[in-house]
């Protein structure tokens, strides 16, 4: 999935890589137009060799929140990162084994 960073009008969208997010693990992501501010818990990826035609290593961002009666709905959101940039990412709630938490993922293939 190709997602955008903030770019000037008319400029092509930025192709987001794992390196865009590594410095922000543990930081708060504010999901604009919602009350949700979620910390980036971890980034899941691997180091298997990739075919030459692959433009980026796949990775998944995992966010965590305390379990609430309602949760952030699956969808595309502009996210402002604490002391960092703003990106548009697609986020979905995922099954979370710990009953006191709700995790969310953003997958980049």
C-alpha atoms as a PDB file:
ATOM      1  CA  UNK A   1       0.000   0.000   0.000  1.00  0.00           C
ATOM      2  CA  UNK A   2       1.408   3.398  -0.919  1.00  0.00           C
ATOM      3  CA  UNK A   3       0.652   6.096   1.624  1.00  0.00           C
ATOM      4  CA  UNK A   4       1.422   9.765   1.737  1.00  0.00           C
ATOM      5  CA  UNK A   5       3.505  12.083   3.823  1.00  0.00           C
ATOM      6  CA  UNK A   6       2.726  15.786   3.829  1.00  0.00           C
ATOM      7  CA  UNK A   7       4.033  17.174   0.555  1.00  0.00           C
ATOM      8  CA  UNK A   8       3.447  20.454  -1.249  1.00  0.00           C
ATOM      9  CA  UNK A   9       0.498  20.540  -3.650  1.00  0.00           C
ATOM     10  CA  UNK A  10       1.484  19.084  -6.991  1.00  0.00           C
ATOM     11  CA  UNK A  11       4.413  17.124  -5.564  1.00  0.00           C
ATOM     12  CA  UNK A  12       4.305  13.314  -5.760  1.00  0.00           C
ATOM     13  CA  UNK A  13       3.438  11.458  -2.535  1.00  0.00           C
ATOM     14  CA  UNK A  14       6.327  10.098  -0.507  1.00  0.00           C
ATOM     15  CA  UNK A  15       6.826   6.322  -0.535  1.00  0.00           C
ATOM     16  CA  UNK A  16       6.949   5.502   3.181  1.00  0.00           C
ATOM     17  CA  UNK A  17       9.646   3.132   4.414  1.00  0.00           C
ATOM     18  CA  UNK A  18      10.352   1.525   7.777  1.00  0.00           C
ATOM     19  CA  UNK A  19      13.091   4.132   8.269  1.00  0.00           C
ATOM     20  CA  UNK A  20      10.425   6.858   8.400  1.00  0.00           C
ATOM     21  CA  UNK A  21       9.000   5.279  11.562  1.00  0.00           C
ATOM     22  CA  UNK A  22      11.962   3.737  13.436  1.00  0.00           C
ATOM     23  CA  UNK A  23      12.830   6.987  15.289  1.00  0.00           C
ATOM     24  CA  UNK A  24       9.206   7.259  16.467  1.00  0.00           C
ATOM     25  CA  UNK A  25       8.757   3.954  18.351  1.00  0.00           C
ATOM     26  CA  UNK A  26       7.321   4.842  21.750  1.00  0.00           C
ATOM     27  CA  UNK A  27       6.090   8.240  20.602  1.00  0.00           C
ATOM     28  CA  UNK A  28       2.466   9.354  20.475  1.00  0.00           C
ATOM     29  CA  UNK A  29       0.595   9.425  17.167  1.00  0.00           C
ATOM     30  CA  UNK A  30      -2.374  11.824  17.162  1.00  0.00           C
ATOM     31  CA  UNK A  31      -5.109  10.625  14.793  1.00  0.00           C
ATOM     32  CA  UNK A  32      -6.568  13.834  13.397  1.00  0.00           C
ATOM     33  CA  UNK A  33     -10.298  14.470  13.690  1.00  0.00           C
ATOM     34  CA  UNK A  34     -10.520  11.882  16.510  1.00  0.00           C
ATOM     35  CA  UNK A  35      -9.808  11.852  20.252  1.00  0.00           C
ATOM     36  CA  UNK A  36      -7.247   9.064  19.788  1.00  0.00           C
ATOM     37  CA  UNK A  37      -3.577   9.495  20.627  1.00  0.00           C
ATOM     38  CA  UNK A  38      -1.831   6.124  20.437  1.00  0.00           C
ATOM     39  CA  UNK A  39       1.785   5.228  21.141  1.00  0.00           C
ATOM     40  CA  UNK A  40       3.678   3.317  18.464  1.00  0.00           C
ATOM     41  CA  UNK A  41       4.383   0.134  20.429  1.00  0.00           C
ATOM     42  CA  UNK A  42       6.608  -1.651  17.924  1.00  0.00           C
ATOM     43  CA  UNK A  43       7.416  -2.218  14.259  1.00  0.00           C
ATOM     44  CA  UNK A  44       7.241  -5.777  12.911  1.00  0.00           C
ATOM     45  CA  UNK A  45       9.414  -6.764   9.952  1.00  0.00           C
ATOM     46  CA  UNK A  46      12.038  -9.337   9.011  1.00  0.00           C
ATOM     47  CA  UNK A  47      15.391  -9.453   7.253  1.00  0.00           C
ATOM     48  CA  UNK A  48      14.717 -12.042   4.557  1.00  0.00           C
ATOM     49  CA  UNK A  49      16.318 -11.305   1.187  1.00  0.00           C
ATOM     50  CA  UNK A  50      13.939  -9.479  -1.141  1.00  0.00           C
ATOM     51  CA  UNK A  51      13.633  -9.782  -4.919  1.00  0.00           C
ATOM     52  CA  UNK A  52      15.162  -6.847  -6.807  1.00  0.00           C
ATOM     53  CA  UNK A  53      11.767  -5.688  -8.041  1.00  0.00           C
ATOM     54  CA  UNK A  54      10.529  -5.069  -4.471  1.00  0.00           C
ATOM     55  CA  UNK A  55      10.704  -1.356  -3.660  1.00  0.00           C
ATOM     56  CA  UNK A  56      10.535  -1.635   0.131  1.00  0.00           C
ATOM     57  CA  UNK A  57      10.761  -4.173   2.901  1.00  0.00           C
ATOM     58  CA  UNK A  58       7.225  -4.938   4.173  1.00  0.00           C
ATOM     59  CA  UNK A  59       6.537  -3.848   7.742  1.00  0.00           C
ATOM     60  CA  UNK A  60       3.694  -3.372  10.188  1.00  0.00           C
ATOM     61  CA  UNK A  61       3.268  -0.614  12.752  1.00  0.00           C
ATOM     62  CA  UNK A  62       1.611  -1.751  15.997  1.00  0.00           C
ATOM     63  CA  UNK A  63      -0.149   0.849  18.157  1.00  0.00           C
ATOM     64  CA  UNK A  64      -1.608   0.190  21.625  1.00  0.00           C
ATOM     65  CA  UNK A  65      -4.385   1.776  23.640  1.00  0.00           C
ATOM     66  CA  UNK A  66      -6.126   0.941  26.895  1.00  0.00           C
ATOM     67  CA  UNK A  67      -9.287  -1.083  26.231  1.00  0.00           C
ATOM     68  CA  UNK A  68     -12.291   1.228  25.950  1.00  0.00           C
ATOM     69  CA  UNK A  69     -15.970   0.780  25.174  1.00  0.00           C
ATOM     70  CA  UNK A  70     -15.330   2.188  21.704  1.00  0.00           C
ATOM     71  CA  UNK A  71     -12.255   1.916  19.516  1.00  0.00           C
ATOM     72  CA  UNK A  72     -10.691   3.710  16.595  1.00  0.00           C
ATOM     73  CA  UNK A  73     -12.546   2.584  13.477  1.00  0.00           C
ATOM     74  CA  UNK A  74     -10.615   1.043  10.600  1.00  0.00           C
ATOM     75  CA  UNK A  75      -9.728   3.657   8.023  1.00  0.00           C
ATOM     76  CA  UNK A  76      -7.283   6.181   6.629  1.00  0.00           C
ATOM     77  CA  UNK A  77      -6.153   8.883   9.056  1.00  0.00           C
ATOM     78  CA  UNK A  78      -3.728  11.764   9.054  1.00  0.00           C
ATOM     79  CA  UNK A  79      -1.411  11.115  11.993  1.00  0.00           C
ATOM     80  CA  UNK A  80       0.722  13.762  13.632  1.00  0.00           C
ATOM     81  CA  UNK A  81       3.721  12.201  15.342  1.00  0.00           C
ATOM     82  CA  UNK A  82       4.937  13.685  18.620  1.00  0.00           C
ATOM     83  CA  UNK A  83       7.938  15.915  17.731  1.00  0.00           C
ATOM     84  CA  UNK A  84       7.799  14.616  14.173  1.00  0.00           C
ATOM     85  CA  UNK A  85       6.089  14.687  10.786  1.00  0.00           C
ATOM     86  CA  UNK A  86       2.484  14.054   9.792  1.00  0.00           C
ATOM     87  CA  UNK A  87       1.627  11.056   7.591  1.00  0.00           C
ATOM     88  CA  UNK A  88      -1.591   9.625   6.174  1.00  0.00           C
ATOM     89  CA  UNK A  89      -1.821   5.959   7.132  1.00  0.00           C
ATOM     90  CA  UNK A  90      -4.470   3.233   7.026  1.00  0.00           C
ATOM     91  CA  UNK A  91      -5.067   1.765  10.486  1.00  0.00           C
ATOM     92  CA  UNK A  92      -7.190  -1.176  11.660  1.00  0.00           C
ATOM     93  CA  UNK A  93      -8.007  -2.590  15.102  1.00  0.00           C
ATOM     94  CA  UNK A  94      -6.653  -6.120  15.583  1.00  0.00           C
ATOM     95  CA  UNK A  95      -7.337  -8.961  17.973  1.00  0.00           C
ATOM     96  CA  UNK A  96      -5.456  -8.271  21.192  1.00  0.00           C
ATOM     97  CA  UNK A  97      -4.841 -11.081  23.674  1.00  0.00           C
ATOM     98  CA  UNK A  98      -4.373  -8.875  26.730  1.00  0.00           C
ATOM     99  CA  UNK A  99      -7.892  -7.938  27.933  1.00  0.00           C
ATOM    100  CA  UNK A 100      -6.833  -4.521  29.209  1.00  0.00           C
ATOM    101  CA  UNK A 101      -5.486  -3.353  25.816  1.00  0.00           C
ATOM    102  CA  UNK A 102      -6.620  -2.765  22.243  1.00  0.00           C
ATOM    103  CA  UNK A 103      -3.961  -2.935  19.541  1.00  0.00           C
ATOM    104  CA  UNK A 104      -4.094  -1.450  16.044  1.00  0.00           C
ATOM    105  CA  UNK A 105      -1.978  -2.094  12.960  1.00  0.00           C
ATOM    106  CA  UNK A 106      -0.876  -0.222   9.860  1.00  0.00           C
ATOM    107  CA  UNK A 107       0.495  -2.586   7.194  1.00  0.00           C
ATOM    108  CA  UNK A 108       2.970  -1.478   4.522  1.00  0.00           C
ATOM    109  CA  UNK A 109       3.524  -4.059   1.743  1.00  0.00           C
END
